[in-house]
Amino acid sequence: MRKFLLIAFSFYFFSQPALASTVPSTAHHYTIIPTLRVKEFLELSARDLEKLTGEKMNLVTRLSYGILRGKMRKAMKKDPSITVNEFMSAHKKMKTWLVVLLIVLGAILVFFIIFALAYGGAF
């Protein structure tokens, strides 16, 4: 019975269409920020950045901004004259192979969870 419910739930979950299949683009092109030096960018607080971009930052954006500032401080020690644009092009988000590896590991983890639930941990 547990297997049937698990399989039925997974079919139901994966057969549902995405709620927001068309999302408006949130990519903005700010002309001031890429030309700033990292030193000047580090002097900006989160509120100053909100005023500069004209958008309110949520909690996740503020946390990622703090992490970005930490990475920029390390990069500024190596090259004090680096601009924000040069920093962003040098530090891309994630390598493709890392994304593929995370997806594969996630799929393996889901398989083991389903296997453990199906057999009740009797192995």
PDB file of N, CA and C in Angstrom:
ATOM      1  N   MET A   1       0.830  -1.194   0.000  1.00  0.00           N
ATOM      2  CA  MET A   1       0.000   0.000   0.000  1.00  0.00           C
ATOM      3  C   MET A   1       0.869   1.250   0.000  1.00  0.00           C
ATOM      4  N   ARG A   2       1.960   1.193   0.775  1.00  0.00           N
ATOM      5  CA  ARG A   2       2.848   2.346   0.867  1.00  0.00           C
ATOM      6  C   ARG A   2       3.497   2.643  -0.485  1.00  0.00           C
ATOM      7  N   LYS A   3       3.884   1.545  -1.202  1.00  0.00           N
ATOM      8  CA  LYS A   3       4.484   1.721  -2.528  1.00  0.00           C
ATOM      9  C   LYS A   3       3.500   2.386  -3.477  1.00  0.00           C
ATOM     10  N   PHE A   4       2.255   1.908  -3.447  1.00  0.00           N
ATOM     11  CA  PHE A   4       1.236   2.437  -4.340  1.00  0.00           C
ATOM     12  C   PHE A   4       1.004   3.925  -4.081  1.00  0.00           C
ATOM     13  N   LEU A   5       0.911   4.300  -2.818  1.00  0.00           N
ATOM     14  CA  LEU A   5       0.698   5.711  -2.494  1.00  0.00           C
ATOM     15  C   LEU A   5       1.885   6.567  -2.922  1.00  0.00           C
ATOM     16  N   LEU A   6       3.083   6.037  -2.727  1.00  0.00           N
ATOM     17  CA  LEU A   6       4.282   6.778  -3.118  1.00  0.00           C
ATOM     18  C   LEU A   6       4.342   6.973  -4.627  1.00  0.00           C
ATOM     19  N   ILE A   7       4.052   5.921  -5.366  1.00  0.00           N
ATOM     20  CA  ILE A   7       4.073   6.013  -6.830  1.00  0.00           C
ATOM     21  C   ILE A   7       2.951   6.922  -7.318  1.00  0.00           C
ATOM     22  N   ALA A   8       1.766   6.782  -6.747  1.00  0.00           N
ATOM     23  CA  ALA A   8       0.639   7.625  -7.154  1.00  0.00           C
ATOM     24  C   ALA A   8       0.924   9.092  -6.857  1.00  0.00           C
ATOM     25  N   PHE A   9       1.488   9.365  -5.694  1.00  0.00           N
ATOM     26  CA  PHE A   9       1.814  10.746  -5.351  1.00  0.00           C
ATOM     27  C   PHE A   9       2.867  11.305  -6.297  1.00  0.00           C
ATOM     28  N   SER A  10       3.898  10.506  -6.637  1.00  0.00           N
ATOM     29  CA  SER A  10       4.943  11.015  -7.534  1.00  0.00           C
ATOM     30  C   SER A  10       4.383  11.286  -8.927  1.00  0.00           C
ATOM     31  N   PHE A  11       3.479  10.414  -9.414  1.00  0.00           N
ATOM     32  CA  PHE A  11       2.871  10.680 -10.717  1.00  0.00           C
ATOM     33  C   PHE A  11       2.016  11.942 -10.671  1.00  0.00           C
ATOM     34  N   TYR A  12       1.274  12.111  -9.600  1.00  0.00           N
ATOM     35  CA  TYR A  12       0.439  13.297  -9.460  1.00  0.00           C
ATOM     36  C   TYR A  12       1.299  14.552  -9.389  1.00  0.00           C
ATOM     37  N   PHE A  13       2.374  14.494  -8.610  1.00  0.00           N
ATOM     38  CA  PHE A  13       3.226  15.661  -8.417  1.00  0.00           C
ATOM     39  C   PHE A  13       3.919  16.076  -9.707  1.00  0.00           C
ATOM     40  N   PHE A  14       4.447  15.102 -10.445  1.00  0.00           N
ATOM     41  CA  PHE A  14       5.191  15.436 -11.655  1.00  0.00           C
ATOM     42  C   PHE A  14       4.308  15.676 -12.866  1.00  0.00           C
ATOM     43  N   SER A  15       3.023  15.353 -12.794  1.00  0.00           N
ATOM     44  CA  SER A  15       2.137  15.577 -13.924  1.00  0.00           C
ATOM     45  C   SER A  15       1.474  16.953 -13.887  1.00  0.00           C
ATOM     46  N   GLN A  16       1.605  17.668 -12.782  1.00  0.00           N
ATOM     47  CA  GLN A  16       0.978  18.979 -12.656  1.00  0.00           C
ATOM     48  C   GLN A  16       1.747  20.022 -13.474  1.00  0.00           C
ATOM     49  N   PRO A  17       1.054  20.872 -14.186  1.00  0.00           N
ATOM     50  CA  PRO A  17       1.748  21.917 -14.934  1.00  0.00           C
ATOM     51  C   PRO A  17       2.311  22.975 -13.986  1.00  0.00           C
ATOM     52  N   ALA A  18       3.318  23.632 -14.442  1.00  0.00           N
ATOM     53  CA  ALA A  18       3.907  24.696 -13.631  1.00  0.00           C
ATOM     54  C   ALA A  18       2.909  25.838 -13.505  1.00  0.00           C
ATOM     55  N   LEU A  19       2.849  26.421 -12.328  1.00  0.00           N
ATOM     56  CA  LEU A  19       1.887  27.493 -12.094  1.00  0.00           C
ATOM     57  C   LEU A  19       2.251  28.757 -12.854  1.00  0.00           C
ATOM     58  N   ALA A  20       3.508  29.072 -12.873  1.00  0.00           N
ATOM     59  CA  ALA A  20       3.941  30.273 -13.575  1.00  0.00           C
ATOM     60  C   ALA A  20       4.906  29.859 -14.676  1.00  0.00           C
ATOM     61  N   SER A  21       4.364  29.410 -15.766  1.00  0.00           N
ATOM     62  CA  SER A  21       5.226  28.925 -16.839  1.00  0.00           C
ATOM     63  C   SER A  21       5.855  30.077 -17.617  1.00  0.00           C
ATOM     64  N   THR A  22       5.220  31.227 -17.605  1.00  0.00           N
ATOM     65  CA  THR A  22       5.817  32.389 -18.250  1.00  0.00           C
ATOM     66  C   THR A  22       6.026  33.463 -17.195  1.00  0.00           C
ATOM     67  N   VAL A  23       7.264  33.712 -16.892  1.00  0.00           N
ATOM     68  CA  VAL A  23       7.617  34.697 -15.880  1.00  0.00           C
ATOM     69  C   VAL A  23       8.245  35.882 -16.583  1.00  0.00           C
ATOM     70  N   PRO A  24       7.826  37.074 -16.262  1.00  0.00           N
ATOM     71  CA  PRO A  24       8.457  38.230 -16.882  1.00  0.00           C
ATOM     72  C   PRO A  24       9.924  38.315 -16.494  1.00  0.00           C
ATOM     73  N   SER A  25      10.696  38.809 -17.391  1.00  0.00           N
ATOM     74  CA  SER A  25      12.129  38.900 -17.159  1.00  0.00           C
ATOM     75  C   SER A  25      12.424  39.895 -16.044  1.00  0.00           C
ATOM     76  N   THR A  26      13.266  39.470 -15.102  1.00  0.00           N
ATOM     77  CA  THR A  26      13.655  40.362 -14.016  1.00  0.00           C
ATOM     78  C   THR A  26      15.075  40.866 -14.211  1.00  0.00           C
ATOM     79  N   ALA A  27      15.650  40.577 -15.360  1.00  0.00           N
ATOM     80  CA  ALA A  27      17.011  41.032 -15.621  1.00  0.00           C
ATOM     81  C   ALA A  27      16.991  42.523 -15.922  1.00  0.00           C
ATOM     82  N   HIS A  28      17.775  43.253 -15.174  1.00  0.00           N
ATOM     83  CA  HIS A  28      17.872  44.688 -15.377  1.00  0.00           C
ATOM     84  C   HIS A  28      19.290  45.033 -15.791  1.00  0.00           C
ATOM     85  N   HIS A  29      19.404  46.028 -16.600  1.00  0.00           N
ATOM     86  CA  HIS A  29      20.712  46.458 -17.054  1.00  0.00           C
ATOM     87  C   HIS A  29      21.001  47.819 -16.430  1.00  0.00           C
ATOM     88  N   TYR A  30      21.793  47.792 -15.409  1.00  0.00           N
ATOM     89  CA  TYR A  30      22.157  49.026 -14.739  1.00  0.00           C
ATOM     90  C   TYR A  30      23.468  49.521 -15.328  1.00  0.00           C
ATOM     91  N   THR A  31      23.488  50.763 -15.743  1.00  0.00           N
ATOM     92  CA  THR A  31      24.681  51.283 -16.394  1.00  0.00           C
ATOM     93  C   THR A  31      25.685  51.845 -15.397  1.00  0.00           C
ATOM     94  N   ILE A  32      25.250  52.185 -14.210  1.00  0.00           N
ATOM     95  CA  ILE A  32      26.158  52.792 -13.236  1.00  0.00           C
ATOM     96  C   ILE A  32      26.978  51.734 -12.514  1.00  0.00           C
ATOM     97  N   ILE A  33      26.356  50.641 -12.121  1.00  0.00           N
ATOM     98  CA  ILE A  33      27.013  49.657 -11.269  1.00  0.00           C
ATOM     99  C   ILE A  33      28.214  48.982 -11.934  1.00  0.00           C
ATOM    100  N   PRO A  34      28.167  48.511 -13.180  1.00  0.00           N
ATOM    101  CA  PRO A  34      29.345  47.835 -13.747  1.00  0.00           C
ATOM    102  C   PRO A  34      30.582  48.717 -13.863  1.00  0.00           C
ATOM    103  N   THR A  35      30.395  50.015 -13.961  1.00  0.00           N
ATOM    104  CA  THR A  35      31.551  50.887 -14.114  1.00  0.00           C
ATOM    105  C   THR A  35      32.177  51.293 -12.787  1.00  0.00           C
ATOM    106  N   LEU A  36      31.521  50.975 -11.679  1.00  0.00           N
ATOM    107  CA  LEU A  36      32.074  51.308 -10.368  1.00  0.00           C
ATOM    108  C   LEU A  36      33.291  50.451 -10.064  1.00  0.00           C
ATOM    109  N   ARG A  37      34.203  50.997  -9.328  1.00  0.00           N
ATOM    110  CA  ARG A  37      35.312  50.208  -8.802  1.00  0.00           C
ATOM    111  C   ARG A  37      34.770  49.380  -7.645  1.00  0.00           C
ATOM    112  N   VAL A  38      35.415  48.247  -7.377  1.00  0.00           N
ATOM    113  CA  VAL A  38      34.957  47.378  -6.294  1.00  0.00           C
ATOM    114  C   VAL A  38      35.034  48.113  -4.958  1.00  0.00           C
ATOM    115  N   LYS A  39      36.049  48.942  -4.807  1.00  0.00           N
ATOM    116  CA  LYS A  39      36.187  49.702  -3.561  1.00  0.00           C
ATOM    117  C   LYS A  39      34.973  50.607  -3.340  1.00  0.00           C
ATOM    118  N   GLU A  40      34.518  51.271  -4.393  1.00  0.00           N
ATOM    119  CA  GLU A  40      33.342  52.139  -4.288  1.00  0.00           C
ATOM    120  C   GLU A  40      32.076  51.322  -4.050  1.00  0.00           C
ATOM    121  N   PHE A  41      31.993  50.148  -4.684  1.00  0.00           N
ATOM    122  CA  PHE A  41      30.822  49.294  -4.526  1.00  0.00           C
ATOM    123  C   PHE A  41      30.726  48.761  -3.098  1.00  0.00           C
ATOM    124  N   LEU A  42      31.874  48.468  -2.481  1.00  0.00           N
ATOM    125  CA  LEU A  42      31.879  47.953  -1.110  1.00  0.00           C
ATOM    126  C   LEU A  42      31.444  49.016  -0.107  1.00  0.00           C
ATOM    127  N   GLU A  43      31.586  50.274  -0.459  1.00  0.00           N
ATOM    128  CA  GLU A  43      31.158  51.352   0.430  1.00  0.00           C
ATOM    129  C   GLU A  43      29.640  51.530   0.438  1.00  0.00           C
ATOM    130  N   LEU A  44      28.944  50.954  -0.555  1.00  0.00           N
ATOM    131  CA  LEU A  44      27.489  51.062  -0.629  1.00  0.00           C
ATOM    132  C   LEU A  44      26.842  50.114   0.375  1.00  0.00           C
ATOM    133  N   SER A  45      25.873  50.615   1.102  1.00  0.00           N
ATOM    134  CA  SER A  45      25.094  49.741   1.973  1.00  0.00           C
ATOM    135  C   SER A  45      23.946  49.153   1.152  1.00  0.00           C
ATOM    136  N   ALA A  46      23.188  48.265   1.766  1.00  0.00           N
ATOM    137  CA  ALA A  46      22.053  47.667   1.061  1.00  0.00           C
ATOM    138  C   ALA A  46      21.010  48.727   0.706  1.00  0.00           C
ATOM    139  N   ARG A  47      20.815  49.672   1.610  1.00  0.00           N
ATOM    140  CA  ARG A  47      19.844  50.746   1.323  1.00  0.00           C
ATOM    141  C   ARG A  47      20.320  51.667   0.203  1.00  0.00           C
ATOM    142  N   ASP A  48      21.637  51.930   0.185  1.00  0.00           N
ATOM    143  CA  ASP A  48      22.177  52.752  -0.906  1.00  0.00           C
ATOM    144  C   ASP A  48      22.004  52.044  -2.248  1.00  0.00           C
ATOM    145  N   LEU A  49      22.204  50.734  -2.241  1.00  0.00           N
ATOM    146  CA  LEU A  49      22.028  49.972  -3.476  1.00  0.00           C
ATOM    147  C   LEU A  49      20.562  49.965  -3.901  1.00  0.00           C
ATOM    148  N   GLU A  50      19.655  49.888  -2.937  1.00  0.00           N
ATOM    149  CA  GLU A  50      18.232  49.983  -3.258  1.00  0.00           C
ATOM    150  C   GLU A  50      17.902  51.321  -3.913  1.00  0.00           C
ATOM    151  N   LYS A  51      18.475  52.403  -3.382  1.00  0.00           N
ATOM    152  CA  LYS A  51      18.228  53.729  -3.966  1.00  0.00           C
ATOM    153  C   LYS A  51      18.828  53.826  -5.363  1.00  0.00           C
ATOM    154  N   LEU A  52      20.004  53.224  -5.553  1.00  0.00           N
ATOM    155  CA  LEU A  52      20.689  53.290  -6.837  1.00  0.00           C
ATOM    156  C   LEU A  52      19.930  52.507  -7.910  1.00  0.00           C
ATOM    157  N   THR A  53      19.424  51.318  -7.549  1.00  0.00           N
ATOM    158  CA  THR A  53      18.716  50.486  -8.525  1.00  0.00           C
ATOM    159  C   THR A  53      17.233  50.806  -8.602  1.00  0.00           C
ATOM    160  N   GLY A  54      16.666  51.363  -7.528  1.00  0.00           N
ATOM    161  CA  GLY A  54      15.251  51.686  -7.521  1.00  0.00           C
ATOM    162  C   GLY A  54      14.361  50.509  -7.176  1.00  0.00           C
ATOM    163  N   GLU A  55      14.946  49.429  -6.661  1.00  0.00           N
ATOM    164  CA  GLU A  55      14.164  48.253  -6.290  1.00  0.00           C
ATOM    165  C   GLU A  55      14.431  47.876  -4.844  1.00  0.00           C
ATOM    166  N   LYS A  56      13.388  47.396  -4.183  1.00  0.00           N
ATOM    167  CA  LYS A  56      13.520  46.961  -2.802  1.00  0.00           C
ATOM    168  C   LYS A  56      14.141  45.571  -2.769  1.00  0.00           C
ATOM    169  N   MET A  57      15.080  45.371  -1.841  1.00  0.00           N
ATOM    170  CA  MET A  57      15.747  44.077  -1.700  1.00  0.00           C
ATOM    171  C   MET A  57      15.034  43.247  -0.640  1.00  0.00           C
ATOM    172  N   ASN A  58      14.784  41.964  -0.952  1.00  0.00           N
ATOM    173  CA  ASN A  58      14.194  41.081   0.046  1.00  0.00           C
ATOM    174  C   ASN A  58      15.314  40.422   0.859  1.00  0.00           C
ATOM    175  N   LEU A  59      14.967  39.539   1.766  1.00  0.00           N
ATOM    176  CA  LEU A  59      15.941  38.937   2.666  1.00  0.00           C
ATOM    177  C   LEU A  59      16.988  38.128   1.910  1.00  0.00           C
ATOM    178  N   VAL A  60      16.568  37.337   0.944  1.00  0.00           N
ATOM    179  CA  VAL A  60      17.504  36.510   0.190  1.00  0.00           C
ATOM    180  C   VAL A  60      18.478  37.386  -0.601  1.00  0.00           C
ATOM    181  N   THR A  61      17.975  38.451  -1.179  1.00  0.00           N
ATOM    182  CA  THR A  61      18.835  39.360  -1.943  1.00  0.00           C
ATOM    183  C   THR A  61      19.828  40.052  -1.031  1.00  0.00           C
ATOM    184  N   ARG A  62      19.402  40.428   0.156  1.00  0.00           N
ATOM    185  CA  ARG A  62      20.325  41.061   1.111  1.00  0.00           C
ATOM    186  C   ARG A  62      21.424  40.098   1.545  1.00  0.00           C
ATOM    187  N   LEU A  63      21.043  38.839   1.794  1.00  0.00           N
ATOM    188  CA  LEU A  63      22.049  37.850   2.178  1.00  0.00           C
ATOM    189  C   LEU A  63      23.035  37.584   1.049  1.00  0.00           C
ATOM    190  N   SER A  64      22.536  37.469  -0.167  1.00  0.00           N
ATOM    191  CA  SER A  64      23.441  37.239  -1.292  1.00  0.00           C
ATOM    192  C   SER A  64      24.317  38.464  -1.545  1.00  0.00           C
ATOM    193  N   TYR A  65      23.789  39.650  -1.270  1.00  0.00           N
ATOM    194  CA  TYR A  65      24.587  40.864  -1.389  1.00  0.00           C
ATOM    195  C   TYR A  65      25.735  40.856  -0.371  1.00  0.00           C
ATOM    196  N   GLY A  66      25.461  40.394   0.842  1.00  0.00           N
ATOM    197  CA  GLY A  66      26.503  40.297   1.855  1.00  0.00           C
ATOM    198  C   GLY A  66      27.582  39.297   1.477  1.00  0.00           C
ATOM    199  N   ILE A  67      27.177  38.155   0.914  1.00  0.00           N
ATOM    200  CA  ILE A  67      28.148  37.154   0.467  1.00  0.00           C
ATOM    201  C   ILE A  67      28.974  37.705  -0.682  1.00  0.00           C
ATOM    202  N   LEU A  68      28.325  38.409  -1.604  1.00  0.00           N
ATOM    203  CA  LEU A  68      29.029  39.013  -2.733  1.00  0.00           C
ATOM    204  C   LEU A  68      30.051  40.040  -2.260  1.00  0.00           C
ATOM    205  N   ARG A  69      29.686  40.824  -1.254  1.00  0.00           N
ATOM    206  CA  ARG A  69      30.623  41.816  -0.722  1.00  0.00           C
ATOM    207  C   ARG A  69      31.846  41.143  -0.117  1.00  0.00           C
ATOM    208  N   GLY A  70      31.655  40.004   0.549  1.00  0.00           N
ATOM    209  CA  GLY A  70      32.783  39.265   1.109  1.00  0.00           C
ATOM    210  C   GLY A  70      33.717  38.753   0.028  1.00  0.00           C
ATOM    211  N   LYS A  71      33.144  38.237  -1.061  1.00  0.00           N
ATOM    212  CA  LYS A  71      33.968  37.765  -2.185  1.00  0.00           C
ATOM    213  C   LYS A  71      34.697  38.928  -2.839  1.00  0.00           C
ATOM    214  N   MET A  72      34.025  40.076  -2.910  1.00  0.00           N
ATOM    215  CA  MET A  72      34.663  41.239  -3.520  1.00  0.00           C
ATOM    216  C   MET A  72      35.818  41.755  -2.670  1.00  0.00           C
ATOM    217  N   ARG A  73      35.691  41.673  -1.360  1.00  0.00           N
ATOM    218  CA  ARG A  73      36.792  42.100  -0.487  1.00  0.00           C
ATOM    219  C   ARG A  73      38.030  41.255  -0.731  1.00  0.00           C
ATOM    220  N   LYS A  74      37.830  39.950  -0.891  1.00  0.00           N
ATOM    221  CA  LYS A  74      38.966  39.063  -1.177  1.00  0.00           C
ATOM    222  C   LYS A  74      39.584  39.379  -2.528  1.00  0.00           C
ATOM    223  N   ALA A  75      38.732  39.653  -3.524  1.00  0.00           N
ATOM    224  CA  ALA A  75      39.238  39.963  -4.861  1.00  0.00           C
ATOM    225  C   ALA A  75      39.946  41.313  -4.875  1.00  0.00           C
ATOM    226  N   MET A  76      39.489  42.239  -4.036  1.00  0.00           N
ATOM    227  CA  MET A  76      40.110  43.560  -4.000  1.00  0.00           C
ATOM    228  C   MET A  76      41.512  43.501  -3.407  1.00  0.00           C
ATOM    229  N   LYS A  77      41.776  42.539  -2.525  1.00  0.00           N
ATOM    230  CA  LYS A  77      43.118  42.392  -1.966  1.00  0.00           C
ATOM    231  C   LYS A  77      44.117  42.006  -3.054  1.00  0.00           C
ATOM    232  N   LYS A  78      43.669  41.211  -4.024  1.00  0.00           N
ATOM    233  CA  LYS A  78      44.547  40.799  -5.114  1.00  0.00           C
ATOM    234  C   LYS A  78      44.747  41.918  -6.132  1.00  0.00           C
ATOM    235  N   ASP A  79      43.669  42.602  -6.484  1.00  0.00           N
ATOM    236  CA  ASP A  79      43.729  43.663  -7.497  1.00  0.00           C
ATOM    237  C   ASP A  79      42.838  44.817  -7.053  1.00  0.00           C
ATOM    238  N   PRO A  80      43.418  45.867  -6.448  1.00  0.00           N
ATOM    239  CA  PRO A  80      42.598  46.977  -5.934  1.00  0.00           C
ATOM    240  C   PRO A  80      41.889  47.803  -7.008  1.00  0.00           C
ATOM    241  N   SER A  81      42.326  47.727  -8.252  1.00  0.00           N
ATOM    242  CA  SER A  81      41.730  48.573  -9.286  1.00  0.00           C
ATOM    243  C   SER A  81      40.662  47.845 -10.101  1.00  0.00           C
ATOM    244  N   ILE A  82      40.204  46.704  -9.656  1.00  0.00           N
ATOM    245  CA  ILE A  82      39.220  45.923 -10.407  1.00  0.00           C
ATOM    246  C   ILE A  82      37.850  46.608 -10.355  1.00  0.00           C
ATOM    247  N   THR A  83      37.116  46.535 -11.468  1.00  0.00           N
ATOM    248  CA  THR A  83      35.763  47.085 -11.516  1.00  0.00           C
ATOM    249  C   THR A  83      34.751  45.982 -11.233  1.00  0.00           C
ATOM    250  N   VAL A  84      33.514  46.378 -11.003  1.00  0.00           N
ATOM    251  CA  VAL A  84      32.457  45.413 -10.716  1.00  0.00           C
ATOM    252  C   VAL A  84      32.224  44.508 -11.921  1.00  0.00           C
ATOM    253  N   ASN A  85      32.265  45.067 -13.120  1.00  0.00           N
ATOM    254  CA  ASN A  85      32.050  44.285 -14.329  1.00  0.00           C
ATOM    255  C   ASN A  85      33.140  43.230 -14.498  1.00  0.00           C
ATOM    256  N   GLU A  86      34.393  43.603 -14.251  1.00  0.00           N
ATOM    257  CA  GLU A  86      35.493  42.645 -14.356  1.00  0.00           C
ATOM    258  C   GLU A  86      35.348  41.545 -13.309  1.00  0.00           C
ATOM    259  N   PHE A  87      34.940  41.919 -12.103  1.00  0.00           N
ATOM    260  CA  PHE A  87      34.739  40.929 -11.043  1.00  0.00           C
ATOM    261  C   PHE A  87      33.642  39.952 -11.413  1.00  0.00           C
ATOM    262  N   MET A  88      32.507  40.465 -11.902  1.00  0.00           N
ATOM    263  CA  MET A  88      31.379  39.595 -12.229  1.00  0.00           C
ATOM    264  C   MET A  88      31.696  38.668 -13.400  1.00  0.00           C
ATOM    265  N   SER A  89      32.462  39.128 -14.364  1.00  0.00           N
ATOM    266  CA  SER A  89      32.805  38.249 -15.484  1.00  0.00           C
ATOM    267  C   SER A  89      33.816  37.190 -15.058  1.00  0.00           C
ATOM    268  N   ALA A  90      34.663  37.492 -14.071  1.00  0.00           N
ATOM    269  CA  ALA A  90      35.656  36.524 -13.604  1.00  0.00           C
ATOM    270  C   ALA A  90      35.042  35.495 -12.651  1.00  0.00           C
ATOM    271  N   HIS A  91      34.016  35.879 -11.925  1.00  0.00           N
ATOM    272  CA  HIS A  91      33.396  34.994 -10.939  1.00  0.00           C
ATOM    273  C   HIS A  91      31.978  34.655 -11.374  1.00  0.00           C
ATOM    274  N   LYS A  92      31.871  33.705 -12.268  1.00  0.00           N
ATOM    275  CA  LYS A  92      30.552  33.278 -12.716  1.00  0.00           C
ATOM    276  C   LYS A  92      29.879  32.485 -11.612  1.00  0.00           C
ATOM    277  N   LYS A  93      28.567  32.302 -11.725  1.00  0.00           N
ATOM    278  CA  LYS A  93      27.813  31.658 -10.650  1.00  0.00           C
ATOM    279  C   LYS A  93      28.297  30.238 -10.367  1.00  0.00           C
ATOM    280  N   MET A  94      28.085  29.322 -11.278  1.00  0.00           N
ATOM    281  CA  MET A  94      28.489  27.937 -11.080  1.00  0.00           C
ATOM    282  C   MET A  94      28.968  27.379 -12.404  1.00  0.00           C
ATOM    283  N   LYS A  95      29.894  26.471 -12.308  1.00  0.00           N
ATOM    284  CA  LYS A  95      30.357  25.780 -13.506  1.00  0.00           C
ATOM    285  C   LYS A  95      29.283  24.784 -13.935  1.00  0.00           C
ATOM    286  N   THR A  96      29.218  24.500 -15.211  1.00  0.00           N
ATOM    287  CA  THR A  96      28.203  23.607 -15.750  1.00  0.00           C
ATOM    288  C   THR A  96      28.337  22.204 -15.176  1.00  0.00           C
ATOM    289  N   TRP A  97      29.579  21.735 -15.048  1.00  0.00           N
ATOM    290  CA  TRP A  97      29.780  20.380 -14.542  1.00  0.00           C
ATOM    291  C   TRP A  97      29.300  20.255 -13.097  1.00  0.00           C
ATOM    292  N   LEU A  98      29.409  21.335 -12.332  1.00  0.00           N
ATOM    293  CA  LEU A  98      28.954  21.296 -10.949  1.00  0.00           C
ATOM    294  C   LEU A  98      27.433  21.219 -10.878  1.00  0.00           C
ATOM    295  N   VAL A  99      26.752  21.921 -11.751  1.00  0.00           N
ATOM    296  CA  VAL A  99      25.292  21.875 -11.805  1.00  0.00           C
ATOM    297  C   VAL A  99      24.828  20.471 -12.181  1.00  0.00           C
ATOM    298  N   VAL A 100      25.470  19.869 -13.180  1.00  0.00           N
ATOM    299  CA  VAL A 100      25.111  18.511 -13.599  1.00  0.00           C
ATOM    300  C   VAL A 100      25.363  17.527 -12.466  1.00  0.00           C
ATOM    301  N   LEU A 101      26.493  17.671 -11.779  1.00  0.00           N
ATOM    302  CA  LEU A 101      26.812  16.792 -10.657  1.00  0.00           C
ATOM    303  C   LEU A 101      25.772  16.907  -9.540  1.00  0.00           C
ATOM    304  N   LEU A 102      25.347  18.124  -9.226  1.00  0.00           N
ATOM    305  CA  LEU A 102      24.338  18.315  -8.191  1.00  0.00           C
ATOM    306  C   LEU A 102      22.992  17.712  -8.582  1.00  0.00           C
ATOM    307  N   ILE A 103      22.626  17.817  -9.847  1.00  0.00           N
ATOM    308  CA  ILE A 103      21.373  17.231 -10.315  1.00  0.00           C
ATOM    309  C   ILE A 103      21.427  15.714 -10.221  1.00  0.00           C
ATOM    310  N   VAL A 104      22.548  15.122 -10.632  1.00  0.00           N
ATOM    311  CA  VAL A 104      22.686  13.662 -10.571  1.00  0.00           C
ATOM    312  C   VAL A 104      22.665  13.183  -9.126  1.00  0.00           C
ATOM    313  N   LEU A 105      23.389  13.859  -8.249  1.00  0.00           N
ATOM    314  CA  LEU A 105      23.391  13.465  -6.839  1.00  0.00           C
ATOM    315  C   LEU A 105      22.012  13.623  -6.206  1.00  0.00           C
ATOM    316  N   GLY A 106      21.292  14.650  -6.586  1.00  0.00           N
ATOM    317  CA  GLY A 106      19.927  14.832  -6.097  1.00  0.00           C
ATOM    318  C   GLY A 106      19.012  13.716  -6.567  1.00  0.00           C
ATOM    319  N   ALA A 107      19.164  13.293  -7.821  1.00  0.00           N
ATOM    320  CA  ALA A 107      18.347  12.193  -8.340  1.00  0.00           C
ATOM    321  C   ALA A 107      18.672  10.893  -7.611  1.00  0.00           C
ATOM    322  N   ILE A 108      19.944  10.645  -7.334  1.00  0.00           N
ATOM    323  CA  ILE A 108      20.336   9.442  -6.589  1.00  0.00           C
ATOM    324  C   ILE A 108      19.769   9.487  -5.182  1.00  0.00           C
ATOM    325  N   LEU A 109      19.806  10.639  -4.553  1.00  0.00           N
ATOM    326  CA  LEU A 109      19.257  10.780  -3.205  1.00  0.00           C
ATOM    327  C   LEU A 109      17.757  10.521  -3.187  1.00  0.00           C
ATOM    328  N   VAL A 110      17.041  11.046  -4.161  1.00  0.00           N
ATOM    329  CA  VAL A 110      15.596  10.808  -4.253  1.00  0.00           C
ATOM    330  C   VAL A 110      15.328   9.317  -4.455  1.00  0.00           C
ATOM    331  N   PHE A 111      16.137   8.651  -5.292  1.00  0.00           N
ATOM    332  CA  PHE A 111      15.977   7.211  -5.507  1.00  0.00           C
ATOM    333  C   PHE A 111      16.152   6.443  -4.209  1.00  0.00           C
ATOM    334  N   PHE A 112      17.180   6.776  -3.425  1.00  0.00           N
ATOM    335  CA  PHE A 112      17.409   6.081  -2.161  1.00  0.00           C
ATOM    336  C   PHE A 112      16.290   6.349  -1.151  1.00  0.00           C
ATOM    337  N   ILE A 113      15.765   7.543  -1.139  1.00  0.00           N
ATOM    338  CA  ILE A 113      14.651   7.846  -0.237  1.00  0.00           C
ATOM    339  C   ILE A 113      13.415   7.038  -0.620  1.00  0.00           C
ATOM    340  N   ILE A 114      13.115   6.983  -1.900  1.00  0.00           N
ATOM    341  CA  ILE A 114      11.971   6.197  -2.369  1.00  0.00           C
ATOM    342  C   ILE A 114      12.185   4.724  -2.054  1.00  0.00           C
ATOM    343  N   PHE A 115      13.399   4.243  -2.272  1.00  0.00           N
ATOM    344  CA  PHE A 115      13.719   2.847  -1.979  1.00  0.00           C
ATOM    345  C   PHE A 115      13.555   2.543  -0.495  1.00  0.00           C
ATOM    346  N   ALA A 116      14.029   3.442   0.352  1.00  0.00           N
ATOM    347  CA  ALA A 116      13.919   3.239   1.802  1.00  0.00           C
ATOM    348  C   ALA A 116      12.462   3.283   2.255  1.00  0.00           C
ATOM    349  N   LEU A 117      11.671   4.180   1.678  1.00  0.00           N
ATOM    350  CA  LEU A 117      10.258   4.237   2.042  1.00  0.00           C
ATOM    351  C   LEU A 117       9.486   3.024   1.529  1.00  0.00           C
ATOM    352  N   ALA A 118       9.855   2.532   0.361  1.00  0.00           N
ATOM    353  CA  ALA A 118       9.136   1.415  -0.233  1.00  0.00           C
ATOM    354  C   ALA A 118       9.384   0.123   0.532  1.00  0.00           C
ATOM    355  N   TYR A 119      10.607  -0.086   0.990  1.00  0.00           N
ATOM    356  CA  TYR A 119      10.940  -1.322   1.673  1.00  0.00           C
ATOM    357  C   TYR A 119      10.992  -1.157   3.182  1.00  0.00           C
ATOM    358  N   GLY A 120      10.644  -0.035   3.681  1.00  0.00           N
ATOM    359  CA  GLY A 120      10.521   0.189   5.123  1.00  0.00           C
ATOM    360  C   GLY A 120      11.813   0.075   5.892  1.00  0.00           C
ATOM    361  N   GLY A 121      12.919   0.264   5.250  1.00  0.00           N
ATOM    362  CA  GLY A 121      14.208   0.207   5.938  1.00  0.00           C
ATOM    363  C   GLY A 121      14.616  -1.193   6.334  1.00  0.00           C
ATOM    364  N   ALA A 122      14.070  -2.220   5.705  1.00  0.00           N
ATOM    365  CA  ALA A 122      14.412  -3.610   6.030  1.00  0.00           C
ATOM    366  C   ALA A 122      15.453  -4.142   5.060  1.00  0.00           C
ATOM    367  N   PHE A 123      16.615  -3.566   5.059  1.00  0.00           N
ATOM    368  CA  PHE A 123      17.708  -4.080   4.216  1.00  0.00           C
ATOM    369  C   PHE A 123      18.984  -4.112   4.966  1.00  0.00           C
TER     370      PHE A 123
END
